[in-house]
Amino acid sequence: MGIALVSGRVSETGDTSEAEPVALVNQTAAERFWPRGGALGSRLSTDGGKGWSRIVGIVGDVINPDIENLHVPQVYFPAAQSPQARMVVLARTEDDPGSYADRLRSHVWALDPGQPVEKVRTFSEMHDEIFAENYALLTLFGIFAGFALVMASMGIYGVMSYSVNQRHREISVRMALGASARDVVRLVVGAGAKLVLMGAAIGWLGALLANRMLASVLFGVSSVDVASLVGVPAILITVALIANYIPARRAARIDPMASLRAD
């Protein structure tokens, strides 16, 4: 499995049912139950003191499937000293693991024809099964985020349209005094851009604070994810500027004389 050996040794062929019971613990267990060190060589019991094993090795942590509690204490016993009615065998392959299912069953049945093989799965299949609920929630949140983006864009467009209507006379006067359509677009978009940039800055700071709070439950993602902190605001700013540009172009088409006569 490629689990790193931190200290001591791994289980060996000599660790049989007749030999002294031994065990390996991960770093989390060693640090939690022996905070001052000394786990190696100590004795532990996992059945209320009925049986004791001597710790002969400390190994690295394996990420727990529960993303809310990634590092948990773990104990490993030699299979010969801890027989189980149900056993899980992990095998590393050099090519597509899915093609080994029939061969693995054949090897097991060659040793014991009556031994049932309940399920043969690849790690990818196990990963998808374990995190299926998380992926479903992620997809759902993504859909809600998309709706939120559309609604925010509509809100920005509505606010800017209202702002342009409120400044109808001002824009007409500016154009009557010589302001070009480009000047009007720059005026309207500039006013909206200030609000958008202020909102983006506040949201960006809020995201940094939220990232610090969520750092303990993130797996495989840095608590300061540059792509998210830069990409998401860039998308929102782009959408907001487009939403500002549409009413700005409409304002630039105002006939100043007709507008002033109407007023």
C-alpha atoms as a PDB file:
ATOM      1  CA  MET A   1       0.000   0.000   0.000  1.00  0.00           C
ATOM      2  CA  GLY A   2       3.003   2.273   0.166  1.00  0.00           C
ATOM      3  CA  ILE A   3       2.359   3.293   3.789  1.00  0.00           C
ATOM      4  CA  ALA A   4       5.563   4.785   5.158  1.00  0.00           C
ATOM      5  CA  LEU A   5       7.301   3.069   8.069  1.00  0.00           C
ATOM      6  CA  VAL A   6       8.154   5.801  10.572  1.00  0.00           C
ATOM      7  CA  SER A   7       9.995   3.672  13.118  1.00  0.00           C
ATOM      8  CA  GLY A   8      10.337   0.068  14.213  1.00  0.00           C
ATOM      9  CA  ARG A   9       9.422  -2.718  11.816  1.00  0.00           C
ATOM     10  CA  VAL A  10       6.476  -4.074   9.860  1.00  0.00           C
ATOM     11  CA  SER A  11       4.848  -7.441  10.518  1.00  0.00           C
ATOM     12  CA  GLU A  12       6.930 -10.425   9.434  1.00  0.00           C
ATOM     13  CA  THR A  13       6.353 -14.071   8.570  1.00  0.00           C
ATOM     14  CA  GLY A  14       7.546 -14.980  12.048  1.00  0.00           C
ATOM     15  CA  ASP A  15       4.578 -13.180  13.614  1.00  0.00           C
ATOM     16  CA  THR A  16       2.478 -16.337  13.806  1.00  0.00           C
ATOM     17  CA  SER A  17      -0.261 -17.353  16.214  1.00  0.00           C
ATOM     18  CA  GLU A  18       2.376 -19.057  18.405  1.00  0.00           C
ATOM     19  CA  ALA A  19       4.622 -15.982  18.555  1.00  0.00           C
ATOM     20  CA  GLU A  20       4.298 -12.965  20.829  1.00  0.00           C
ATOM     21  CA  PRO A  21       1.291 -10.830  19.788  1.00  0.00           C
ATOM     22  CA  VAL A  22       2.481  -7.675  18.061  1.00  0.00           C
ATOM     23  CA  ALA A  23       0.856  -4.641  16.498  1.00  0.00           C
ATOM     24  CA  LEU A  24       1.617  -1.524  14.492  1.00  0.00           C
ATOM     25  CA  VAL A  25       0.035   1.867  15.130  1.00  0.00           C
ATOM     26  CA  ASN A  26      -0.174   4.960  12.978  1.00  0.00           C
ATOM     27  CA  GLN A  27       1.309   8.327  13.900  1.00  0.00           C
ATOM     28  CA  THR A  28      -2.018   9.738  15.062  1.00  0.00           C
ATOM     29  CA  ALA A  29      -2.433   6.892  17.575  1.00  0.00           C
ATOM     30  CA  ALA A  30       1.174   7.211  18.758  1.00  0.00           C
ATOM     31  CA  GLU A  31       0.862  10.977  19.277  1.00  0.00           C
ATOM     32  CA  ARG A  32      -2.568  10.808  20.908  1.00  0.00           C
ATOM     33  CA  PHE A  33      -1.978   7.954  23.369  1.00  0.00           C
ATOM     34  CA  TRP A  34       1.758   8.447  23.900  1.00  0.00           C
ATOM     35  CA  PRO A  35       2.143  12.241  23.583  1.00  0.00           C
ATOM     36  CA  ARG A  36       5.573  12.154  25.250  1.00  0.00           C
ATOM     37  CA  GLY A  37       6.807   9.368  22.994  1.00  0.00           C
ATOM     38  CA  GLY A  38       7.544   5.799  23.926  1.00  0.00           C
ATOM     39  CA  ALA A  39       4.837   4.127  21.853  1.00  0.00           C
ATOM     40  CA  LEU A  40       7.368   1.743  20.338  1.00  0.00           C
ATOM     41  CA  GLY A  41       7.708  -1.247  22.661  1.00  0.00           C
ATOM     42  CA  SER A  42       4.581  -0.402  24.668  1.00  0.00           C
ATOM     43  CA  ARG A  43       1.692  -2.824  25.049  1.00  0.00           C
ATOM     44  CA  LEU A  44      -1.892  -2.141  23.980  1.00  0.00           C
ATOM     45  CA  SER A  45      -5.240  -3.864  24.160  1.00  0.00           C
ATOM     46  CA  THR A  46      -8.251  -3.339  21.915  1.00  0.00           C
ATOM     47  CA  ASP A  47     -10.595  -5.763  23.696  1.00  0.00           C
ATOM     48  CA  GLY A  48     -10.822  -4.356  27.191  1.00  0.00           C
ATOM     49  CA  GLY A  49      -7.650  -5.939  28.510  1.00  0.00           C
ATOM     50  CA  LYS A  50      -8.377  -9.539  27.493  1.00  0.00           C
ATOM     51  CA  GLY A  51      -5.469  -9.616  25.072  1.00  0.00           C
ATOM     52  CA  TRP A  52      -2.339  -7.506  24.831  1.00  0.00           C
ATOM     53  CA  SER A  53       0.025  -6.835  21.936  1.00  0.00           C
ATOM     54  CA  ARG A  54       3.436  -5.216  21.871  1.00  0.00           C
ATOM     55  CA  ILE A  55       3.863  -2.304  19.475  1.00  0.00           C
ATOM     56  CA  VAL A  56       6.727  -3.100  17.126  1.00  0.00           C
ATOM     57  CA  GLY A  57       6.245  -0.373  14.532  1.00  0.00           C
ATOM     58  CA  ILE A  58       4.819   3.072  13.857  1.00  0.00           C
ATOM     59  CA  VAL A  59       3.557   3.813  10.351  1.00  0.00           C
ATOM     60  CA  GLY A  60       2.276   6.883   8.560  1.00  0.00           C
ATOM     61  CA  ASP A  61      -1.373   7.902   8.561  1.00  0.00           C
ATOM     62  CA  VAL A  62      -3.820   6.769   5.902  1.00  0.00           C
ATOM     63  CA  ILE A  63      -6.473   9.327   4.979  1.00  0.00           C
ATOM     64  CA  ASN A  64      -9.817   8.341   6.482  1.00  0.00           C
ATOM     65  CA  PRO A  65     -12.807   8.275   4.061  1.00  0.00           C
ATOM     66  CA  ASP A  66     -14.727  10.482   6.501  1.00  0.00           C
ATOM     67  CA  ILE A  67     -13.657  13.963   5.335  1.00  0.00           C
ATOM     68  CA  GLU A  68     -14.845  15.445   8.633  1.00  0.00           C
ATOM     69  CA  ASN A  69     -12.264  13.370  10.513  1.00  0.00           C
ATOM     70  CA  LEU A  70      -9.380  12.650   8.149  1.00  0.00           C
ATOM     71  CA  HIS A  71      -6.808  11.431  10.689  1.00  0.00           C
ATOM     72  CA  VAL A  72      -7.929   8.784  13.183  1.00  0.00           C
ATOM     73  CA  PRO A  73      -5.952   6.359  15.380  1.00  0.00           C
ATOM     74  CA  GLN A  74      -5.386   3.064  13.597  1.00  0.00           C
ATOM     75  CA  VAL A  75      -3.943  -0.270  14.748  1.00  0.00           C
ATOM     76  CA  TYR A  76      -2.649  -3.033  12.475  1.00  0.00           C
ATOM     77  CA  PHE A  77      -2.333  -6.684  13.535  1.00  0.00           C
ATOM     78  CA  PRO A  78      -0.664  -9.551  11.646  1.00  0.00           C
ATOM     79  CA  ALA A  79      -3.339 -11.642   9.912  1.00  0.00           C
ATOM     80  CA  ALA A  80      -1.969 -14.851  11.460  1.00  0.00           C
ATOM     81  CA  GLN A  81      -2.434 -13.435  14.974  1.00  0.00           C
ATOM     82  CA  SER A  82      -5.812 -11.854  14.370  1.00  0.00           C
ATOM     83  CA  PRO A  83      -7.905 -14.193  12.178  1.00  0.00           C
ATOM     84  CA  GLN A  84     -11.176 -12.719  11.004  1.00  0.00           C
ATOM     85  CA  ALA A  85     -14.319 -14.357   9.668  1.00  0.00           C
ATOM     86  CA  ARG A  86     -14.338 -11.734   6.942  1.00  0.00           C
ATOM     87  CA  MET A  87     -11.109 -10.502   5.386  1.00  0.00           C
ATOM     88  CA  VAL A  88     -10.345  -7.731   2.912  1.00  0.00           C
ATOM     89  CA  VAL A  89      -7.358  -8.295   0.648  1.00  0.00           C
ATOM     90  CA  LEU A  90      -5.726  -5.337  -1.101  1.00  0.00           C
ATOM     91  CA  ALA A  91      -3.668  -5.952  -4.226  1.00  0.00           C
ATOM     92  CA  ARG A  92      -1.522  -3.524  -6.213  1.00  0.00           C
ATOM     93  CA  THR A  93      -1.481  -4.087  -9.987  1.00  0.00           C
ATOM     94  CA  GLU A  94       0.815  -2.879 -12.747  1.00  0.00           C
ATOM     95  CA  ASP A  95      -1.977  -2.211 -15.262  1.00  0.00           C
ATOM     96  CA  ASP A  96      -5.783  -1.918 -15.302  1.00  0.00           C
ATOM     97  CA  PRO A  97      -6.930  -3.330 -11.927  1.00  0.00           C
ATOM     98  CA  GLY A  98     -10.384  -4.100 -13.285  1.00  0.00           C
ATOM     99  CA  SER A  99      -8.925  -6.851 -15.472  1.00  0.00           C
ATOM    100  CA  TYR A 100      -7.650  -8.759 -12.424  1.00  0.00           C
ATOM    101  CA  ALA A 101     -11.027  -9.568 -10.856  1.00  0.00           C
ATOM    102  CA  ASP A 102     -11.420 -13.019 -12.406  1.00  0.00           C
ATOM    103  CA  ARG A 103      -7.779 -13.920 -11.783  1.00  0.00           C
ATOM    104  CA  LEU A 104      -8.035 -12.958  -8.108  1.00  0.00           C
ATOM    105  CA  ARG A 105     -11.118 -15.123  -7.685  1.00  0.00           C
ATOM    106  CA  SER A 106      -9.345 -18.019  -9.400  1.00  0.00           C
ATOM    107  CA  HIS A 107      -6.347 -17.744  -7.069  1.00  0.00           C
ATOM    108  CA  VAL A 108      -8.589 -17.740  -3.989  1.00  0.00           C
ATOM    109  CA  TRP A 109     -10.627 -20.713  -5.187  1.00  0.00           C
ATOM    110  CA  ALA A 110      -7.440 -22.592  -6.080  1.00  0.00           C
ATOM    111  CA  LEU A 111      -6.491 -22.405  -2.395  1.00  0.00           C
ATOM    112  CA  ASP A 112     -10.004 -23.044  -1.074  1.00  0.00           C
ATOM    113  CA  PRO A 113     -12.801 -23.885  -3.539  1.00  0.00           C
ATOM    114  CA  GLY A 114     -15.423 -23.301  -0.871  1.00  0.00           C
ATOM    115  CA  GLN A 115     -14.234 -19.806   0.039  1.00  0.00           C
ATOM    116  CA  PRO A 116     -16.788 -17.193  -1.066  1.00  0.00           C
ATOM    117  CA  VAL A 117     -15.422 -14.039  -2.675  1.00  0.00           C
ATOM    118  CA  GLU A 118     -18.018 -11.428  -1.869  1.00  0.00           C
ATOM    119  CA  LYS A 119     -16.899  -8.494  -3.980  1.00  0.00           C
ATOM    120  CA  VAL A 120     -13.927  -7.427  -6.079  1.00  0.00           C
ATOM    121  CA  ARG A 121     -13.665  -3.691  -6.600  1.00  0.00           C
ATOM    122  CA  THR A 122     -11.053  -1.215  -7.734  1.00  0.00           C
ATOM    123  CA  PHE A 123     -10.010   1.694  -5.553  1.00  0.00           C
ATOM    124  CA  SER A 124     -11.603   4.052  -8.073  1.00  0.00           C
ATOM    125  CA  GLU A 125     -14.948   2.304  -7.624  1.00  0.00           C
ATOM    126  CA  MET A 126     -14.589   2.404  -3.829  1.00  0.00           C
ATOM    127  CA  HIS A 127     -13.659   6.090  -3.984  1.00  0.00           C
ATOM    128  CA  ASP A 128     -16.711   6.926  -6.108  1.00  0.00           C
ATOM    129  CA  GLU A 129     -18.967   4.938  -3.778  1.00  0.00           C
ATOM    130  CA  ILE A 130     -17.602   6.524  -0.609  1.00  0.00           C
ATOM    131  CA  PHE A 131     -17.784  10.081  -1.933  1.00  0.00           C
ATOM    132  CA  ALA A 132     -20.997   9.691  -3.970  1.00  0.00           C
ATOM    133  CA  GLU A 133     -22.986  11.739  -1.453  1.00  0.00           C
ATOM    134  CA  ASN A 134     -20.335  14.473  -1.400  1.00  0.00           C
ATOM    135  CA  TYR A 135     -20.290  14.628  -5.199  1.00  0.00           C
ATOM    136  CA  ALA A 136     -24.092  14.863  -5.264  1.00  0.00           C
ATOM    137  CA  LEU A 137     -24.018  17.729  -2.764  1.00  0.00           C
ATOM    138  CA  LEU A 138     -21.234  19.405  -4.747  1.00  0.00           C
ATOM    139  CA  THR A 139     -23.309  19.190  -7.928  1.00  0.00           C
ATOM    140  CA  LEU A 140     -26.351  20.552  -6.103  1.00  0.00           C
ATOM    141  CA  PHE A 141     -24.346  23.453  -4.670  1.00  0.00           C
ATOM    142  CA  GLY A 142     -22.940  24.110  -8.146  1.00  0.00           C
ATOM    143  CA  ILE A 143     -26.465  24.365  -9.563  1.00  0.00           C
ATOM    144  CA  PHE A 144     -27.500  26.745  -6.771  1.00  0.00           C
ATOM    145  CA  ALA A 145     -24.337  28.779  -7.353  1.00  0.00           C
ATOM    146  CA  GLY A 146     -25.203  29.026 -11.057  1.00  0.00           C
ATOM    147  CA  PHE A 147     -28.709  30.244 -10.209  1.00  0.00           C
ATOM    148  CA  ALA A 148     -27.220  32.724  -7.738  1.00  0.00           C
ATOM    149  CA  LEU A 149     -24.877  34.047 -10.436  1.00  0.00           C
ATOM    150  CA  VAL A 150     -27.769  34.494 -12.882  1.00  0.00           C
ATOM    151  CA  MET A 151     -29.909  36.216 -10.239  1.00  0.00           C
ATOM    152  CA  ALA A 152     -27.010  38.465  -9.217  1.00  0.00           C
ATOM    153  CA  SER A 153     -26.476  39.433 -12.864  1.00  0.00           C
ATOM    154  CA  MET A 154     -30.179  40.202 -13.259  1.00  0.00           C
ATOM    155  CA  GLY A 155     -30.080  42.247 -10.059  1.00  0.00           C
ATOM    156  CA  ILE A 156     -27.066  44.242 -11.227  1.00  0.00           C
ATOM    157  CA  TYR A 157     -28.716  44.841 -14.582  1.00  0.00           C
ATOM    158  CA  GLY A 158     -31.932  45.968 -12.886  1.00  0.00           C
ATOM    159  CA  VAL A 159     -30.103  48.331 -10.521  1.00  0.00           C
ATOM    160  CA  MET A 160     -28.045  49.845 -13.335  1.00  0.00           C
ATOM    161  CA  SER A 161     -31.123  50.215 -15.557  1.00  0.00           C
ATOM    162  CA  TYR A 162     -32.896  52.014 -12.728  1.00  0.00           C
ATOM    163  CA  SER A 163     -29.833  54.195 -12.157  1.00  0.00           C
ATOM    164  CA  VAL A 164     -29.709  55.124 -15.848  1.00  0.00           C
ATOM    165  CA  ASN A 165     -33.421  56.002 -15.829  1.00  0.00           C
ATOM    166  CA  GLN A 166     -32.905  58.182 -12.752  1.00  0.00           C
ATOM    167  CA  ARG A 167     -30.024  59.991 -14.492  1.00  0.00           C
ATOM    168  CA  HIS A 168     -31.900  60.324 -17.770  1.00  0.00           C
ATOM    169  CA  ARG A 169     -31.982  64.120 -17.637  1.00  0.00           C
ATOM    170  CA  GLU A 170     -28.340  64.368 -16.521  1.00  0.00           C
ATOM    171  CA  ILE A 171     -27.194  62.166 -19.404  1.00  0.00           C
ATOM    172  CA  SER A 172     -29.288  64.184 -21.862  1.00  0.00           C
ATOM    173  CA  VAL A 173     -27.722  67.434 -20.645  1.00  0.00           C
ATOM    174  CA  ARG A 174     -24.224  65.961 -20.898  1.00  0.00           C
ATOM    175  CA  MET A 175     -24.863  64.803 -24.456  1.00  0.00           C
ATOM    176  CA  ALA A 176     -26.421  68.147 -25.390  1.00  0.00           C
ATOM    177  CA  LEU A 177     -23.269  69.853 -24.117  1.00  0.00           C
ATOM    178  CA  GLY A 178     -21.077  67.660 -26.309  1.00  0.00           C
ATOM    179  CA  ALA A 179     -20.549  64.376 -24.475  1.00  0.00           C
ATOM    180  CA  SER A 180     -20.092  61.494 -26.901  1.00  0.00           C
ATOM    181  CA  ALA A 181     -21.694  58.064 -26.697  1.00  0.00           C
ATOM    182  CA  ARG A 182     -18.337  56.722 -25.524  1.00  0.00           C
ATOM    183  CA  ASP A 183     -18.292  59.269 -22.693  1.00  0.00           C
ATOM    184  CA  VAL A 184     -21.766  58.176 -21.591  1.00  0.00           C
ATOM    185  CA  VAL A 185     -20.799  54.494 -21.660  1.00  0.00           C
ATOM    186  CA  ARG A 186     -17.653  55.256 -19.674  1.00  0.00           C
ATOM    187  CA  LEU A 187     -19.698  57.251 -17.134  1.00  0.00           C
ATOM    188  CA  VAL A 188     -22.318  54.558 -16.574  1.00  0.00           C
ATOM    189  CA  VAL A 189     -19.927  51.586 -16.632  1.00  0.00           C
ATOM    190  CA  GLY A 190     -17.478  53.425 -14.380  1.00  0.00           C
ATOM    191  CA  ALA A 191     -20.155  54.056 -11.761  1.00  0.00           C
ATOM    192  CA  GLY A 192     -21.179  50.415 -11.831  1.00  0.00           C
ATOM    193  CA  ALA A 193     -17.575  49.200 -11.819  1.00  0.00           C
ATOM    194  CA  LYS A 194     -16.873  51.053  -8.578  1.00  0.00           C
ATOM    195  CA  LEU A 195     -19.732  49.247  -6.847  1.00  0.00           C
ATOM    196  CA  VAL A 196     -18.722  45.903  -8.344  1.00  0.00           C
ATOM    197  CA  LEU A 197     -15.076  46.255  -7.312  1.00  0.00           C
ATOM    198  CA  MET A 198     -16.060  47.294  -3.791  1.00  0.00           C
ATOM    199  CA  GLY A 199     -18.357  44.288  -3.508  1.00  0.00           C
ATOM    200  CA  ALA A 200     -15.692  41.970  -4.938  1.00  0.00           C
ATOM    201  CA  ALA A 201     -13.109  43.259  -2.451  1.00  0.00           C
ATOM    202  CA  ILE A 202     -15.465  42.695   0.488  1.00  0.00           C
ATOM    203  CA  GLY A 203     -16.370  39.234  -0.812  1.00  0.00           C
ATOM    204  CA  TRP A 204     -12.702  38.381  -1.365  1.00  0.00           C
ATOM    205  CA  LEU A 205     -11.826  39.270   2.229  1.00  0.00           C
ATOM    206  CA  GLY A 206     -14.814  37.267   3.429  1.00  0.00           C
ATOM    207  CA  ALA A 207     -13.630  34.286   1.367  1.00  0.00           C
ATOM    208  CA  LEU A 208     -10.184  34.462   2.979  1.00  0.00           C
ATOM    209  CA  LEU A 209     -11.749  34.377   6.439  1.00  0.00           C
ATOM    210  CA  ALA A 210     -14.079  31.529   5.435  1.00  0.00           C
ATOM    211  CA  ASN A 211     -11.148  29.558   4.011  1.00  0.00           C
ATOM    212  CA  ARG A 212      -9.385  29.715   7.375  1.00  0.00           C
ATOM    213  CA  MET A 213     -12.506  28.382   9.075  1.00  0.00           C
ATOM    214  CA  LEU A 214     -12.943  25.593   6.493  1.00  0.00           C
ATOM    215  CA  ALA A 215      -9.278  24.565   6.373  1.00  0.00           C
ATOM    216  CA  SER A 216      -9.848  21.700   8.817  1.00  0.00           C
ATOM    217  CA  VAL A 217     -12.490  20.027   6.622  1.00  0.00           C
ATOM    218  CA  LEU A 218     -10.808  20.497   3.254  1.00  0.00           C
ATOM    219  CA  PHE A 219      -9.203  17.452   1.679  1.00  0.00           C
ATOM    220  CA  GLY A 220      -6.871  17.712  -1.308  1.00  0.00           C
ATOM    221  CA  VAL A 221      -7.455  21.470  -1.549  1.00  0.00           C
ATOM    222  CA  SER A 222      -5.350  24.209  -0.025  1.00  0.00           C
ATOM    223  CA  SER A 223      -7.138  26.520   2.388  1.00  0.00           C
ATOM    224  CA  VAL A 224      -5.847  29.368   0.193  1.00  0.00           C
ATOM    225  CA  ASP A 225      -6.877  28.186  -3.271  1.00  0.00           C
ATOM    226  CA  VAL A 226      -5.512  30.734  -5.753  1.00  0.00           C
ATOM    227  CA  ALA A 227      -7.701  29.496  -8.616  1.00  0.00           C
ATOM    228  CA  SER A 228     -10.872  30.033  -6.567  1.00  0.00           C
ATOM    229  CA  LEU A 229      -9.809  33.323  -4.991  1.00  0.00           C
ATOM    230  CA  VAL A 230      -8.824  34.792  -8.364  1.00  0.00           C
ATOM    231  CA  GLY A 231     -11.023  32.944 -10.853  1.00  0.00           C
ATOM    232  CA  VAL A 232     -14.404  33.337  -9.143  1.00  0.00           C
ATOM    233  CA  PRO A 233     -14.093  37.122  -8.541  1.00  0.00           C
ATOM    234  CA  ALA A 234     -12.861  37.523 -12.134  1.00  0.00           C
ATOM    235  CA  ILE A 235     -15.965  35.745 -13.440  1.00  0.00           C
ATOM    236  CA  LEU A 236     -18.282  37.793 -11.221  1.00  0.00           C
ATOM    237  CA  ILE A 237     -16.612  41.069 -12.190  1.00  0.00           C
ATOM    238  CA  THR A 238     -16.821  40.168 -15.890  1.00  0.00           C
ATOM    239  CA  VAL A 239     -20.510  39.278 -15.621  1.00  0.00           C
ATOM    240  CA  ALA A 240     -21.203  42.453 -13.647  1.00  0.00           C
ATOM    241  CA  LEU A 241     -19.411  44.662 -16.177  1.00  0.00           C
ATOM    242  CA  ILE A 242     -21.392  43.077 -19.005  1.00  0.00           C
ATOM    243  CA  ALA A 243     -24.579  43.708 -17.037  1.00  0.00           C
ATOM    244  CA  ASN A 244     -23.455  47.343 -16.656  1.00  0.00           C
ATOM    245  CA  TYR A 245     -22.550  47.704 -20.312  1.00  0.00           C
ATOM    246  CA  ILE A 246     -26.032  46.856 -21.637  1.00  0.00           C
ATOM    247  CA  PRO A 247     -27.879  49.777 -19.939  1.00  0.00           C
ATOM    248  CA  ALA A 248     -24.861  51.985 -20.669  1.00  0.00           C
ATOM    249  CA  ARG A 249     -25.229  51.342 -24.401  1.00  0.00           C
ATOM    250  CA  ARG A 250     -28.936  52.053 -24.140  1.00  0.00           C
ATOM    251  CA  ALA A 251     -28.200  55.335 -22.389  1.00  0.00           C
ATOM    252  CA  ALA A 252     -25.761  56.286 -25.154  1.00  0.00           C
ATOM    253  CA  ARG A 253     -28.589  56.058 -27.713  1.00  0.00           C
ATOM    254  CA  ILE A 254     -30.668  58.717 -25.941  1.00  0.00           C
ATOM    255  CA  ASP A 255     -31.739  61.604 -28.177  1.00  0.00           C
ATOM    256  CA  PRO A 256     -30.820  64.488 -25.866  1.00  0.00           C
ATOM    257  CA  MET A 257     -33.094  67.076 -27.517  1.00  0.00           C
ATOM    258  CA  ALA A 258     -36.139  64.790 -27.556  1.00  0.00           C
ATOM    259  CA  SER A 259     -35.455  63.812 -23.953  1.00  0.00           C
ATOM    260  CA  LEU A 260     -35.120  67.417 -22.769  1.00  0.00           C
ATOM    261  CA  ARG A 261     -38.275  68.477 -24.641  1.00  0.00           C
ATOM    262  CA  ALA A 262     -40.165  65.645 -22.974  1.00  0.00           C
ATOM    263  CA  ASP A 263     -38.967  66.837 -19.571  1.00  0.00           C
END
